[in-house]
Every structure is written in C-alpha cells, then in structure tokens.
Amino acid sequence: MTSPVIGIVGSAGAYGRWLQRFLQERMGLRVIGHDPADPDSLDEAALVAQADVLVFSAPIRQTESLIRRYVALAAGSERGKLWLDITSIKQAPVAAMLESQAEVVGLHPMTAPPKSPTLKGRVVVVCEGRLERWRPWLRTLCEALEAQYVQASPEHHDRVMALVQAMVHATHLAQAGVLGDYAPLLGELQALMPYRSASFELDTAVIARILSLNPAIYEDIQFGNPYAGEMLDRLLAQLGELRALVKQGDDAARARFREKFLLGNRQALGGTALAQGNYSYERVGYLLADLTEELALSVYLPEDRAGSLRVLLHVFERHGVNLASIHSSRTPAGELHFRIGFDPGSEPAALARAAEEIDRAGIGRVLPR
C-alpha cells in the first residue's frame, strides 16, 4: 500500500492539530483537513475526494450528524477507504460510519492532546467496526503512536466510559461545588492547601485539570453518553445511603457503614486491584513529597542522546552537591526536562556554580524557578 493521504475533519481543533503534526512529522504523511471554523481549510467535497483515510475529530454532540453528512457527500466514493473517529463516545459515531461503504474503526485516546510527540504511556481504546484491507496500515499507525491498546465493542466502551470518565468527572465537579459552598466560611482552595493530605491534593489537582480544559468536552461526556444517567443514579444512591447512616449515627449505623462501604467494597474490588492501586497511590505520594523540596532545579536537556543525563549528573558530583530526587516531566511548551531535588544540607553556592556550568557548557538549560 502506498502512503495514504490523511484527511482530518475538525483539523483546527486541539486534537486535530496534534494529530496533524504527528502524522506529518512522525509518519511523513500528507495531511489535509477541513474545519468550519477555518475559512482557509479545504472544502468538504475536495476532502472526501482526496483523502484515503478520513478522521473525524469533532465535538461529541456534532460527530454523529457530521459523519452522516459525509456519508451522503461521499455517495459511495469512500469504498475501499478507511474512516476513523477519535471521540469519547463510540456507539453513535461507529454506527454512523458503518452507514458508509468505507472500512470503519473508532479510536478513543484516553488523554487530552499531549505535549509529548507520541501517546507513549497512554491508553487508546480501539473499536473495530469493519476492517480488512486497512488492518496492516492501522497496525502501523498504532505502533507509531506507541500507546497501550485495548479492544472493545462500541457498546462496552460507552458503558465503561460512564465509569472511567463520566463518574470521575461528576464526583470531582460535585467536590468543586462543595468547596465553593464552603469558601465564605473557610476560604478559597489556596487557604485549604496548607492543611492538605495527599488524597486532597490529588483530588484538587483533578478538579483543577477538569476546570482548566475545554468545558464542552466535559459537558458532552455527561450528556452524550447514554449510560451516564444510570451511573449517576447509582452514585446518588450510594451517597444517599452514606448520608442516611451518618445522620442515624448510632452503633448499628457504624456497623452497616463498615460492612457495606469498607468491607463490602474491599471484597468487591479484590485483593489484586487493591494492592496495585495502593502501590500507585504510594508512588504518587512520594512524587508529591519530592515536588515540595525547595532546594531544586529544573533542567532542559537539548540533546536527546544516550549519556546526556549522566553528563548532567556528573556536574553536580564535581561540585559536591548531593541529589535527593530526580523526576522527568514536560514544560508547558512541551520540552522534556528533569526536576532535580537536592539534599537540604547542600551548599547553595555550590549549587549555583553547578547551574552556571550547565548553562555555560551547553549541557542543558536551567529553567527559571
């Protein structure tokens, strides 16, 4: 198969832009696109005619009707081509794409558009609708994305997303509302952070993440998933029973609380899941503790080559600075950098000399604190 031309419907959106860069820079493919918000983008008829692979990257509430418009527009000319969508709901988009004569796969990257060049370490759900000739190419795409993949039917995907996405978002949005209600009495969130536990810090980080991104996405995840309402009923029932037991307040209520909410849930989740989850929590807790170290530097390494980190660490060794922790992450601009924490007994002057050498020698760039 020769290199296909990729068409993106919604190319001006955040994920459309990320996907376009990925396909062009990492896979060397020609990418064309149409977006209603971009008057300079290719018109829809030309996109359908020229694209071998058509990717729908549109808001959830618009995707189904948008696909059906393209089915009518293509009028059978899509036979032998591949249609994909990357929305957070799968039943309706996949069903709409199956009305075409193209091969059909629904993809759901379980992450916002990343700052990293690939989806390494992230999960992508794959819902095959109709796939034959394009299977080898799709495999090549998946390998290039470097994600972790899970296969699911569209219905199973949407049922799972009612828990993985809609439930998580709903509980955190409710927490945000409670925090707002208490703000006149106890102060805003920043006034509570000095009292934080690791759990509170993690929950408020999730709240901040949700409220910082595109609100339309979170709206559609609640309103667009056909199983979200059922999940919310069950969630409210659990909270209602907990509230009733606390209001009752006697020993019988406490016994029921232990039996259902602690012992019952522990048994339901299972020992393996609890052990893995507890270990993940401890790892994140250690990371949060490391990030509170005041004596720290963040360094960008411009040379992506083996041994570059060793050269960096050798600078601190020469200046007699002891490391306490090291973590890699990405700046808001997407640069990979290392945050290095130092022993509280480290001499600030020695650390300053090490930082100056890193910049002067071109080993890396010390980021502003």
Protein backbone atom coordinates (compact mmCIF):
# COMPACT_ATOMS: atom_id res chain seq x y z
CA MET A 1 0.00 0.00 0.00
CA THR A 2 1.39 3.42 -0.95
CA SER A 3 1.42 6.18 1.66
CA PRO A 4 -2.19 7.30 2.08
CA VAL A 5 -3.42 10.87 2.17
CA ILE A 6 -4.98 11.63 5.54
CA GLY A 7 -8.00 13.91 5.81
CA ILE A 8 -8.99 15.36 9.18
CA VAL A 9 -12.49 16.70 9.75
CA GLY A 10 -12.00 19.17 12.58
CA SER A 11 -8.37 19.93 11.81
CA ALA A 12 -8.44 23.26 13.65
CA GLY A 13 -9.37 21.59 16.94
CA ALA A 14 -6.75 20.78 19.57
CA TYR A 15 -6.64 17.05 18.84
CA GLY A 16 -6.87 17.64 15.12
CA ARG A 17 -3.80 19.89 15.27
CA TRP A 18 -1.86 17.41 17.40
CA LEU A 19 -2.78 14.52 15.11
CA GLN A 20 -1.83 16.51 12.02
CA ARG A 21 1.65 17.23 13.43
CA PHE A 22 2.08 13.60 14.44
CA LEU A 23 1.10 12.20 11.04
CA GLN A 24 3.28 14.68 9.19
CA GLU A 25 6.36 14.70 11.42
CA ARG A 26 6.43 11.15 12.78
CA MET A 27 4.94 9.23 9.84
CA GLY A 28 5.82 11.50 6.94
CA LEU A 29 2.27 11.52 5.57
CA ARG A 30 0.43 14.16 3.62
CA VAL A 31 -2.38 15.57 5.76
CA ILE A 32 -5.28 17.71 4.54
CA GLY A 33 -8.22 18.96 6.53
CA HIS A 34 -11.49 20.81 6.81
CA ASP A 35 -12.79 22.77 9.76
CA PRO A 36 -15.88 25.01 9.74
CA ALA A 37 -14.02 27.49 11.97
CA ASP A 38 -11.17 27.83 9.47
CA PRO A 39 -12.24 29.54 6.21
CA ASP A 40 -8.90 28.69 4.61
CA SER A 41 -9.27 24.94 5.12
CA LEU A 42 -10.11 22.54 2.29
CA ASP A 43 -13.79 22.30 1.36
CA GLU A 44 -15.64 19.12 2.30
CA ALA A 45 -16.10 17.77 -1.23
CA ALA A 46 -12.39 18.08 -2.01
CA LEU A 47 -11.52 16.48 1.33
CA VAL A 48 -13.70 13.44 0.64
CA ALA A 49 -12.32 13.09 -2.88
CA GLN A 50 -8.64 13.39 -1.94
CA ALA A 51 -8.40 11.61 1.44
CA ASP A 52 -7.66 7.89 1.61
CA VAL A 53 -8.12 7.91 5.39
CA LEU A 54 -10.75 10.23 6.85
CA VAL A 55 -10.52 11.07 10.56
CA PHE A 56 -13.44 12.70 12.38
CA SER A 57 -12.18 14.92 15.21
CA ALA A 58 -15.22 16.94 16.20
CA PRO A 59 -17.20 17.68 19.38
CA ILE A 60 -19.15 14.63 20.60
CA ARG A 61 -22.56 16.19 20.12
CA GLN A 62 -21.79 17.03 16.47
CA THR A 63 -19.94 13.89 15.41
CA GLU A 64 -22.86 11.58 14.54
CA SER A 65 -24.66 14.09 12.31
CA LEU A 66 -21.35 15.22 10.82
CA ILE A 67 -20.46 11.67 9.80
CA ARG A 68 -23.87 11.15 8.23
CA ARG A 69 -23.38 14.31 6.19
CA TYR A 70 -20.11 12.92 4.90
CA VAL A 71 -21.79 9.59 4.10
CA ALA A 72 -24.24 11.46 1.89
CA LEU A 73 -21.48 13.62 0.44
CA ALA A 74 -19.25 10.65 -0.41
CA ALA A 75 -22.16 8.75 -2.00
CA GLY A 76 -20.22 5.51 -2.30
CA SER A 77 -16.91 7.02 -3.40
CA GLU A 78 -15.50 6.06 0.04
CA ARG A 79 -15.50 2.35 -0.84
CA GLY A 80 -12.02 0.94 -0.27
CA LYS A 81 -11.04 3.80 2.03
CA LEU A 82 -10.75 3.97 5.85
CA TRP A 83 -12.85 6.12 8.16
CA LEU A 84 -11.84 6.73 11.79
CA ASP A 85 -13.18 8.83 14.63
CA ILE A 86 -11.43 9.87 17.86
CA THR A 87 -14.36 10.98 20.03
CA SER A 88 -15.04 9.94 23.63
CA ILE A 89 -18.33 8.19 22.78
CA LYS A 90 -18.29 5.26 20.37
CA GLN A 91 -21.71 3.72 19.67
CA ALA A 92 -23.21 6.60 17.72
CA PRO A 93 -20.10 7.56 15.68
CA VAL A 94 -19.25 3.97 14.75
CA ALA A 95 -22.86 3.23 13.79
CA ALA A 96 -22.91 6.34 11.62
CA MET A 97 -19.61 5.45 9.92
CA LEU A 98 -20.94 1.93 9.22
CA GLU A 99 -23.64 3.54 7.06
CA SER A 100 -20.81 4.36 4.67
CA GLN A 101 -19.05 1.86 2.41
CA ALA A 102 -15.64 2.57 3.94
CA GLU A 103 -13.77 0.40 6.40
CA VAL A 104 -14.52 1.70 9.88
CA VAL A 105 -12.66 1.91 13.21
CA GLY A 106 -13.44 4.00 16.26
CA LEU A 107 -10.46 5.20 18.32
CA HIS A 108 -10.55 6.83 21.74
CA PRO A 109 -7.26 8.22 23.06
CA MET A 110 -7.70 8.35 26.85
CA THR A 111 -5.88 11.65 27.18
CA ALA A 112 -6.11 15.26 26.18
CA PRO A 113 -3.77 16.21 23.33
CA PRO A 114 -0.38 15.57 24.93
CA LYS A 115 2.64 17.83 24.86
CA SER A 116 4.76 14.77 24.06
CA PRO A 117 5.33 13.72 20.42
CA THR A 118 3.56 10.35 20.83
CA LEU A 119 0.95 8.72 23.10
CA LYS A 120 3.57 6.61 24.87
CA GLY A 121 2.29 5.52 28.28
CA ARG A 122 -1.31 6.48 27.41
CA VAL A 123 -4.25 4.21 26.60
CA VAL A 124 -6.16 4.12 23.32
CA VAL A 125 -9.41 2.13 23.02
CA VAL A 126 -9.93 0.51 19.60
CA CYS A 127 -13.47 -0.30 18.41
CA GLU A 128 -13.36 -2.13 15.10
CA GLY A 129 -16.48 -1.75 13.02
CA ARG A 130 -15.35 -3.09 9.64
CA LEU A 131 -11.67 -3.68 8.92
CA GLU A 132 -9.93 -5.78 6.26
CA ARG A 133 -7.61 -4.16 3.71
CA TRP A 134 -6.56 -1.37 6.07
CA ARG A 135 -5.64 -3.59 9.01
CA PRO A 136 -1.84 -3.57 8.31
CA TRP A 137 -1.83 0.22 7.98
CA LEU A 138 -3.83 0.66 11.18
CA ARG A 139 -1.30 -1.58 12.93
CA THR A 140 1.48 0.67 11.63
CA LEU A 141 -0.36 3.73 12.96
CA CYS A 142 -0.82 2.12 16.37
CA GLU A 143 2.84 1.17 16.57
CA ALA A 144 3.88 4.71 15.70
CA LEU A 145 1.57 6.20 18.34
CA GLU A 146 3.30 3.98 20.97
CA ALA A 147 0.17 3.80 23.13
CA GLN A 148 -1.25 0.92 25.14
CA TYR A 149 -4.26 -0.54 23.33
CA VAL A 150 -7.45 -2.22 24.47
CA GLN A 151 -10.05 -3.69 22.12
CA ALA A 152 -13.75 -3.17 22.87
CA SER A 153 -17.14 -3.13 21.21
CA PRO A 154 -18.67 0.35 20.94
CA GLU A 155 -21.38 -0.53 23.50
CA HIS A 156 -18.88 -1.89 26.03
CA HIS A 157 -16.69 1.16 25.52
CA ASP A 158 -19.54 3.55 26.31
CA ARG A 159 -20.60 1.58 29.39
CA VAL A 160 -17.04 1.61 30.69
CA MET A 161 -16.65 5.33 29.93
CA ALA A 162 -19.71 6.04 32.08
CA LEU A 163 -17.47 4.96 34.98
CA VAL A 164 -13.96 5.86 33.81
CA GLN A 165 -14.90 9.33 32.58
CA ALA A 166 -18.45 10.42 33.49
CA MET A 167 -18.35 9.14 37.10
CA VAL A 168 -14.89 10.55 37.78
CA HIS A 169 -15.77 13.94 36.33
CA ALA A 170 -19.14 14.05 38.12
CA THR A 171 -17.68 13.32 41.55
CA HIS A 172 -14.93 15.91 41.14
CA LEU A 173 -17.32 18.56 39.83
CA ALA A 174 -19.53 17.90 42.84
CA GLN A 175 -16.48 18.28 45.10
CA ALA A 176 -15.69 21.58 43.37
CA GLY A 177 -19.22 22.75 44.13
CA VAL A 178 -18.86 21.83 47.81
CA LEU A 179 -15.53 23.65 48.02
CA GLY A 180 -17.24 26.71 46.54
CA ASP A 181 -20.08 26.47 49.06
CA TYR A 182 -17.60 26.43 51.95
CA ALA A 183 -15.39 29.22 50.61
CA PRO A 184 -17.18 32.05 52.51
CA LEU A 185 -16.67 30.12 55.78
CA LEU A 186 -13.24 28.51 55.37
CA GLY A 187 -11.65 30.37 52.49
CA GLU A 188 -10.91 29.51 48.89
CA LEU A 189 -8.90 26.47 47.82
CA GLN A 190 -5.48 28.06 48.37
CA ALA A 191 -6.42 28.70 52.00
CA LEU A 192 -7.10 24.98 52.46
CA MET A 193 -3.91 23.68 50.82
CA PRO A 194 -1.68 24.16 53.92
CA TYR A 195 -3.90 21.52 55.58
CA ARG A 196 -3.75 19.14 52.62
CA SER A 197 -3.49 15.38 52.73
CA ALA A 198 -2.12 13.53 49.73
CA SER A 199 -5.67 12.49 48.81
CA PHE A 200 -6.97 16.05 48.99
CA GLU A 201 -4.07 17.31 46.91
CA LEU A 202 -4.69 14.67 44.24
CA ASP A 203 -8.43 15.33 44.14
CA THR A 204 -7.99 19.10 43.85
CA ALA A 205 -5.42 18.56 41.10
CA VAL A 206 -8.03 16.57 39.14
CA ILE A 207 -10.61 19.31 39.78
CA ALA A 208 -8.18 21.95 38.53
CA ARG A 209 -7.41 19.87 35.45
CA ILE A 210 -11.10 19.45 34.55
CA LEU A 211 -11.88 23.13 35.07
CA SER A 212 -8.84 24.24 33.05
CA LEU A 213 -9.68 22.38 29.85
CA ASN A 214 -12.44 22.72 27.25
CA PRO A 215 -15.79 22.73 29.11
CA ALA A 216 -17.64 21.44 26.04
CA ILE A 217 -15.77 18.13 26.29
CA TYR A 218 -16.87 17.53 29.88
CA GLU A 219 -20.42 18.61 29.09
CA ASP A 220 -20.66 16.16 26.19
CA ILE A 221 -19.18 13.29 28.24
CA GLN A 222 -22.07 13.66 30.72
CA PHE A 223 -24.86 14.43 28.25
CA GLY A 224 -23.64 12.37 25.29
CA ASN A 225 -23.04 9.02 26.98
CA PRO A 226 -26.30 7.01 27.02
CA TYR A 227 -25.22 5.23 30.21
CA ALA A 228 -24.25 8.31 32.26
CA GLY A 229 -27.74 8.76 33.72
CA GLU A 230 -27.82 5.22 35.09
CA MET A 231 -24.38 5.70 36.63
CA LEU A 232 -25.43 8.97 38.28
CA ASP A 233 -28.50 7.25 39.78
CA ARG A 234 -26.25 4.58 41.32
CA LEU A 235 -23.78 7.19 42.55
CA LEU A 236 -26.52 9.23 44.19
CA ALA A 237 -27.94 6.08 45.79
CA GLN A 238 -24.56 5.26 47.33
CA LEU A 239 -24.13 8.79 48.67
CA GLY A 240 -27.73 8.86 49.88
CA GLU A 241 -27.25 5.68 51.91
CA LEU A 242 -23.99 7.00 53.36
CA ARG A 243 -25.70 10.27 54.34
CA ALA A 244 -28.57 8.36 55.98
CA LEU A 245 -26.16 6.23 58.02
CA VAL A 246 -24.20 9.27 59.21
CA LYS A 247 -27.45 11.01 60.12
CA GLN A 248 -28.57 7.90 62.05
CA GLY A 249 -25.25 7.99 63.87
CA ASP A 250 -25.61 5.00 66.22
CA ASP A 251 -23.59 1.81 66.55
CA ALA A 252 -25.88 -0.02 64.14
CA ALA A 253 -25.24 2.64 61.51
CA ARG A 254 -21.49 2.40 62.06
CA ALA A 255 -21.66 -1.39 61.70
CA ARG A 256 -23.60 -1.05 58.44
CA PHE A 257 -21.05 1.50 57.20
CA ARG A 258 -18.16 -0.86 57.90
CA GLU A 259 -19.99 -3.81 56.37
CA LYS A 260 -21.03 -2.13 53.13
CA PHE A 261 -18.72 0.76 52.39
CA LEU A 262 -15.47 -0.68 53.72
CA LEU A 263 -15.55 -4.48 53.94
CA GLY A 264 -18.06 -4.98 51.12
CA ASN A 265 -16.26 -2.69 48.72
CA ARG A 266 -12.90 -4.19 49.65
CA GLN A 267 -14.20 -7.64 48.75
CA ALA A 268 -15.87 -6.40 45.57
CA LEU A 269 -12.71 -4.74 44.23
CA GLY A 270 -10.49 -7.71 45.07
CA GLY A 271 -7.09 -8.07 46.66
CA THR A 272 -5.03 -7.69 43.47
CA ALA A 273 -6.70 -4.43 42.41
CA LEU A 274 -6.38 -3.02 45.93
CA ALA A 275 -2.69 -3.90 46.15
CA GLN A 276 -1.94 -2.36 42.74
CA GLY A 277 -3.98 0.75 43.46
CA ASN A 278 -2.44 1.25 46.87
CA TYR A 279 1.04 0.92 45.39
CA SER A 280 0.20 3.50 42.70
CA TYR A 281 -1.09 5.85 45.40
CA GLU A 282 2.11 5.50 47.39
CA ARG A 283 4.22 6.21 44.31
CA VAL A 284 2.25 9.37 43.56
CA GLY A 285 2.53 10.33 47.24
CA TYR A 286 6.31 10.05 47.06
CA LEU A 287 6.30 12.22 43.93
CA LEU A 288 4.20 14.90 45.64
CA ALA A 289 6.59 14.87 48.58
CA ASP A 290 9.59 15.25 46.26
CA LEU A 291 7.96 18.18 44.49
CA THR A 292 7.77 20.10 47.78
CA GLU A 293 11.57 20.20 48.06
CA GLU A 294 12.54 23.86 47.99
CA LEU A 295 16.17 23.21 47.03
CA ALA A 296 15.65 22.07 43.44
CA LEU A 297 16.50 22.83 39.82
CA SER A 298 14.68 22.04 36.60
CA VAL A 299 16.96 21.44 33.63
CA TYR A 300 16.15 21.04 29.95
CA LEU A 301 18.49 18.71 28.07
CA PRO A 302 18.57 19.84 24.41
CA GLU A 303 20.48 16.79 23.17
CA ASP A 304 18.28 13.69 23.02
CA ARG A 305 21.08 11.13 23.14
CA ALA A 306 22.32 8.32 25.35
CA GLY A 307 24.51 9.54 28.20
CA SER A 308 23.25 13.14 28.28
CA LEU A 309 21.67 12.67 31.69
CA ARG A 310 24.88 11.09 33.01
CA VAL A 311 26.86 14.16 31.87
CA LEU A 312 24.38 16.40 33.67
CA LEU A 313 24.56 14.45 36.92
CA HIS A 314 28.37 14.44 36.79
CA VAL A 315 28.30 18.24 37.07
CA PHE A 316 26.60 18.03 40.46
CA GLU A 317 29.06 15.34 41.52
CA ARG A 318 32.03 17.58 40.68
CA HIS A 319 30.58 20.42 42.72
CA GLY A 320 29.83 18.19 45.70
CA VAL A 321 26.06 18.58 45.53
CA ASN A 322 24.05 15.58 46.76
CA LEU A 323 20.84 14.65 44.94
CA ALA A 324 17.68 13.76 46.87
CA SER A 325 15.33 13.07 43.95
CA ILE A 326 15.03 13.27 40.17
CA HIS A 327 11.91 13.26 38.00
CA SER A 328 11.29 13.86 34.32
CA SER A 329 8.30 15.83 33.08
CA ARG A 330 7.37 18.34 30.39
CA THR A 331 7.19 22.09 30.43
CA PRO A 332 4.04 23.89 29.23
CA ALA A 333 5.85 24.29 25.90
CA GLY A 334 6.33 20.53 25.65
CA GLU A 335 10.07 20.34 26.39
CA LEU A 336 11.23 17.31 28.35
CA HIS A 337 13.04 18.44 31.48
CA PHE A 338 14.36 16.96 34.67
CA ARG A 339 13.44 18.30 38.09
CA ILE A 340 16.25 17.53 40.48
CA GLY A 341 15.88 17.90 44.23
CA PHE A 342 18.93 18.24 46.47
CA ASP A 343 19.87 17.28 49.99
CA PRO A 344 18.79 20.06 52.40
CA GLY A 345 22.42 20.25 53.57
CA SER A 346 23.69 21.11 50.08
CA GLU A 347 25.62 24.35 49.86
CA PRO A 348 23.63 26.94 47.86
CA ALA A 349 26.81 28.46 46.44
CA ALA A 350 27.95 25.06 45.12
CA LEU A 351 24.54 24.51 43.57
CA ALA A 352 24.71 27.94 41.92
CA ARG A 353 28.12 27.12 40.46
CA ALA A 354 26.82 23.81 39.10
CA ALA A 355 23.85 25.56 37.49
CA GLU A 356 26.15 28.15 35.93
CA GLU A 357 28.36 25.40 34.45
CA ILE A 358 25.35 23.59 32.98
CA ASP A 359 24.32 26.74 31.11
CA ARG A 360 27.85 27.83 30.15
CA ALA A 361 28.96 24.44 28.84
CA GLY A 362 25.76 23.92 26.86
CA ILE A 363 25.00 20.67 28.69
CA GLY A 364 21.47 21.88 29.30
CA ARG A 365 19.38 24.92 30.14
CA VAL A 366 18.44 25.63 33.74
CA LEU A 367 14.80 26.67 33.75
CA PRO A 368 13.62 29.71 35.75
CA ARG A 369 12.37 28.75 39.19
